[in-house]
């Protein structure tokens, strides 16, 4: 079944179930398009190399932060008019929870842990996130507000993933399969709050204050 509304653009904030949504879309939309930019100068497509289908029903934009967005617009990979024609959505996640999830992901990822860059204690990782700049990880992933270069039509929350996912699909008129499969799930059932001390909890409150206030995140959420 197709979409009854504008065609969809998914922006993926790291560690918010975006990969699960991408895999779902691959299975449901024959013309699904996924691209991701790296250092603002290269486009990768996951289904068709070196070809960007601007007319696909569902486009997964990958980790499209504001700097990458500006670069791709400048290179005319797509236009502002094309962006406005899409029904854009993204999901956000509690800052403390997401940072712990990023830490677990990087530690278990061979490509990210090269040179022991992320094989550090959690407090050191938080400092590196806050101080990071540019495109060297964890720079692009550190603040969720970096991914709001395109004004979204829908903002879902990881904490209510199933409910918000179904609400999104209701809005766009999707009547088919809705089940998301877990992808890149790296942590067990341990409570992420236990990873924090009073010092690290306050540190996140200070350096991630903009998104915490913007989305009403609380530590005990």
Protein backbone atom coordinates (compact mmCIF):
# COMPACT_ATOMS: atom_id res chain seq x y z
CA UNK A 1 0.00 0.00 0.00
CA UNK A 2 1.20 3.51 -0.72
CA UNK A 3 1.21 6.79 1.09
CA UNK A 4 -1.82 9.05 1.02
CA UNK A 5 0.14 12.16 1.98
CA UNK A 6 3.36 13.85 1.00
CA UNK A 7 6.32 11.60 0.41
CA UNK A 8 8.38 10.88 3.49
CA UNK A 9 11.82 12.03 4.59
CA UNK A 10 13.30 10.30 7.65
CA UNK A 11 16.12 12.04 9.52
CA UNK A 12 18.03 9.72 11.81
CA UNK A 13 19.43 11.02 15.08
CA UNK A 14 21.95 8.36 16.23
CA UNK A 15 20.60 5.85 18.77
CA UNK A 16 16.89 6.62 18.29
CA UNK A 17 15.88 3.41 16.43
CA UNK A 18 16.51 5.01 13.03
CA UNK A 19 18.22 1.92 11.63
CA UNK A 20 15.20 -0.21 12.54
CA UNK A 21 12.97 2.25 10.68
CA UNK A 22 15.29 2.23 7.68
CA UNK A 23 15.25 -1.59 7.49
CA UNK A 24 11.46 -1.56 7.81
CA UNK A 25 11.19 0.91 4.90
CA UNK A 26 13.53 -1.20 2.76
CA UNK A 27 11.07 -4.08 3.11
CA UNK A 28 7.90 -2.06 2.56
CA UNK A 29 8.81 0.36 -0.25
CA UNK A 30 10.27 -0.97 -3.52
CA UNK A 31 11.56 2.49 -4.41
CA UNK A 32 12.93 3.22 -0.96
CA UNK A 33 15.95 5.50 -1.03
CA UNK A 34 18.58 5.81 1.67
CA UNK A 35 21.50 8.18 1.50
CA UNK A 36 24.05 9.32 3.99
CA UNK A 37 26.66 12.04 3.67
CA UNK A 38 30.16 11.87 5.04
CA UNK A 39 32.14 15.09 5.42
CA UNK A 40 29.53 16.73 3.23
CA UNK A 41 30.98 15.64 -0.12
CA UNK A 42 29.90 12.08 -0.84
CA UNK A 43 26.54 10.39 -1.23
CA UNK A 44 26.07 6.70 -0.60
CA UNK A 45 22.90 4.90 -1.58
CA UNK A 46 22.14 1.58 0.06
CA UNK A 47 20.22 0.12 -2.88
CA UNK A 48 21.47 1.83 -6.06
CA UNK A 49 25.04 3.11 -6.17
CA UNK A 50 25.69 6.65 -7.44
CA UNK A 51 22.01 7.36 -8.06
CA UNK A 52 19.72 9.46 -5.91
CA UNK A 53 16.03 8.96 -6.65
CA UNK A 54 14.32 12.22 -5.75
CA UNK A 55 10.89 10.76 -6.44
CA UNK A 56 10.97 7.82 -4.00
CA UNK A 57 8.03 7.38 -1.62
CA UNK A 58 10.29 7.04 1.43
CA UNK A 59 13.72 8.60 1.76
CA UNK A 60 15.95 7.79 4.72
CA UNK A 61 18.34 10.72 5.00
CA UNK A 62 20.71 9.12 7.46
CA UNK A 63 22.48 11.32 10.02
CA UNK A 64 21.62 14.57 8.25
CA UNK A 65 22.87 17.22 10.65
CA UNK A 66 22.78 20.93 9.84
CA UNK A 67 26.31 21.19 8.44
CA UNK A 68 25.77 18.24 6.12
CA UNK A 69 22.42 19.63 5.06
CA UNK A 70 23.94 22.97 4.06
CA UNK A 71 26.71 21.23 2.13
CA UNK A 72 24.30 19.02 0.18
CA UNK A 73 22.06 21.97 -0.65
CA UNK A 74 25.09 23.91 -1.86
CA UNK A 75 26.12 21.00 -4.08
CA UNK A 76 22.52 20.81 -5.38
CA UNK A 77 22.09 17.16 -4.47
CA UNK A 78 18.54 18.27 -3.68
CA UNK A 79 16.79 21.62 -3.34
CA UNK A 80 15.00 23.47 -0.57
CA UNK A 81 11.79 22.99 -2.58
CA UNK A 82 12.33 19.23 -2.57
CA UNK A 83 12.78 19.26 1.21
CA UNK A 84 9.58 21.26 1.64
CA UNK A 85 7.68 18.71 -0.45
CA UNK A 86 8.52 15.89 1.99
CA UNK A 87 6.70 14.88 5.16
CA UNK A 88 9.75 15.03 7.43
CA UNK A 89 10.03 13.18 10.73
CA UNK A 90 12.60 12.22 13.32
CA UNK A 91 12.71 10.68 16.78
CA UNK A 92 14.43 12.09 19.87
CA UNK A 93 15.63 10.31 23.01
CA UNK A 94 16.24 11.25 26.63
CA UNK A 95 19.70 12.84 26.67
CA UNK A 96 21.13 10.79 29.53
CA UNK A 97 19.82 7.54 28.07
CA UNK A 98 21.00 8.30 24.54
CA UNK A 99 24.52 9.23 25.66
CA UNK A 100 24.88 5.97 27.53
CA UNK A 101 23.62 4.13 24.44
CA UNK A 102 26.15 5.97 22.26
CA UNK A 103 28.91 4.99 24.67
CA UNK A 104 27.92 1.31 24.53
CA UNK A 105 27.65 1.40 20.75
CA UNK A 106 31.06 2.98 20.20
CA UNK A 107 32.80 0.65 22.61
CA UNK A 108 31.41 -2.38 20.76
CA UNK A 109 32.04 -0.99 17.28
CA UNK A 110 35.48 -1.86 15.91
CA UNK A 111 35.46 1.05 13.49
CA UNK A 112 34.64 3.56 16.24
CA UNK A 113 37.04 2.18 18.83
CA UNK A 114 40.10 2.33 16.55
CA UNK A 115 43.07 3.61 18.45
CA UNK A 116 41.22 3.16 21.75
CA UNK A 117 39.47 6.48 21.11
CA UNK A 118 36.34 5.29 22.88
CA UNK A 119 37.83 2.63 25.13
CA UNK A 120 37.63 5.01 28.06
CA UNK A 121 35.46 5.34 31.14
CA UNK A 122 31.99 6.82 30.73
CA UNK A 123 32.83 10.18 32.33
CA UNK A 124 35.76 10.72 29.94
CA UNK A 125 33.49 9.83 27.02
CA UNK A 126 30.98 12.48 28.10
CA UNK A 127 33.75 15.09 28.22
CA UNK A 128 34.91 14.12 24.73
CA UNK A 129 31.35 14.37 23.42
CA UNK A 130 30.86 17.84 24.86
CA UNK A 131 34.23 19.09 23.62
CA UNK A 132 34.18 17.41 20.20
CA UNK A 133 33.97 19.54 17.06
CA UNK A 134 33.75 18.87 13.34
CA UNK A 135 33.01 15.46 11.83
CA UNK A 136 35.33 13.29 13.85
CA UNK A 137 33.19 11.07 16.04
CA UNK A 138 31.51 11.66 18.36
CA UNK A 139 31.22 15.18 16.96
CA UNK A 140 28.22 14.71 14.62
CA UNK A 141 26.28 12.71 17.20
CA UNK A 142 26.73 14.76 20.32
CA UNK A 143 23.69 17.09 20.25
CA UNK A 144 20.22 16.20 19.00
CA UNK A 145 19.50 19.82 18.09
CA UNK A 146 22.11 19.44 15.31
CA UNK A 147 19.54 17.44 13.32
CA UNK A 148 16.82 20.08 13.11
CA UNK A 149 18.09 21.83 9.99
CA UNK A 150 14.90 20.67 8.28
CA UNK A 151 11.79 21.58 10.24
CA UNK A 152 10.07 18.26 11.00
CA UNK A 153 6.36 17.66 10.52
CA UNK A 154 6.47 15.01 13.22
CA UNK A 155 8.72 14.44 16.26
CA UNK A 156 8.49 11.05 17.93
CA UNK A 157 10.04 9.93 21.19
CA UNK A 158 12.13 6.84 21.74
CA UNK A 159 10.56 6.41 25.17
CA UNK A 160 7.17 5.83 23.50
CA UNK A 161 8.57 4.29 20.31
CA UNK A 162 5.78 1.86 19.45
CA UNK A 163 3.00 4.31 20.21
CA UNK A 164 4.60 7.20 18.31
CA UNK A 165 5.64 4.98 15.39
CA UNK A 166 2.04 3.85 14.95
CA UNK A 167 0.83 7.42 15.27
CA UNK A 168 3.26 8.50 12.55
CA UNK A 169 2.06 5.73 10.21
CA UNK A 170 -1.55 6.72 10.89
CA UNK A 171 -0.75 10.30 9.90
CA UNK A 172 0.86 9.33 6.59
CA UNK A 173 -1.89 6.83 5.87
CA UNK A 174 0.10 3.60 5.94
CA UNK A 175 -2.11 0.52 6.35
CA UNK A 176 0.41 -2.29 5.88
CA UNK A 177 2.93 -4.02 8.14
CA UNK A 178 4.14 -1.82 11.00
CA UNK A 179 6.42 -4.07 13.02
CA UNK A 180 9.90 -2.72 13.72
CA UNK A 181 12.71 -5.18 14.27
CA UNK A 182 15.46 -4.31 16.76
CA UNK A 183 18.67 -3.34 14.96
CA UNK A 184 22.00 -2.37 16.51
CA UNK A 185 20.67 -3.06 19.99
CA UNK A 186 23.78 -3.16 22.15
CA UNK A 187 22.70 -3.04 25.78
CA UNK A 188 20.86 -5.51 27.95
CA UNK A 189 18.09 -4.77 30.41
CA UNK A 190 20.29 -2.83 32.84
CA UNK A 191 19.02 0.58 33.91
CA UNK A 192 21.06 3.33 32.22
CA UNK A 193 20.59 5.53 35.31
CA UNK A 194 23.00 3.30 37.20
CA UNK A 195 25.78 4.43 34.85
CA UNK A 196 25.61 7.95 36.24
CA UNK A 197 27.10 9.54 39.31
CA UNK A 198 25.91 12.87 40.70
CA UNK A 199 28.86 14.48 38.89
CA UNK A 200 28.12 13.00 35.45
CA UNK A 201 24.38 13.58 35.80
CA UNK A 202 24.98 17.27 36.47
CA UNK A 203 27.53 17.43 33.67
CA UNK A 204 24.95 16.27 31.12
CA UNK A 205 22.39 18.68 32.62
CA UNK A 206 24.83 21.54 31.95
CA UNK A 207 26.21 20.74 28.51
CA UNK A 208 23.05 19.25 27.03
CA UNK A 209 20.76 21.85 28.62
CA UNK A 210 19.35 23.10 25.30
CA UNK A 211 17.84 19.79 24.22
CA UNK A 212 16.87 18.81 27.76
CA UNK A 213 14.84 21.99 28.11
CA UNK A 214 13.51 21.87 24.56
CA UNK A 215 12.06 18.38 24.90
CA UNK A 216 11.41 18.32 28.64
CA UNK A 217 13.79 15.45 29.35
CA UNK A 218 14.28 14.52 33.01
CA UNK A 219 16.79 12.13 34.50
CA UNK A 220 14.14 9.97 36.18
CA UNK A 221 11.98 9.75 33.05
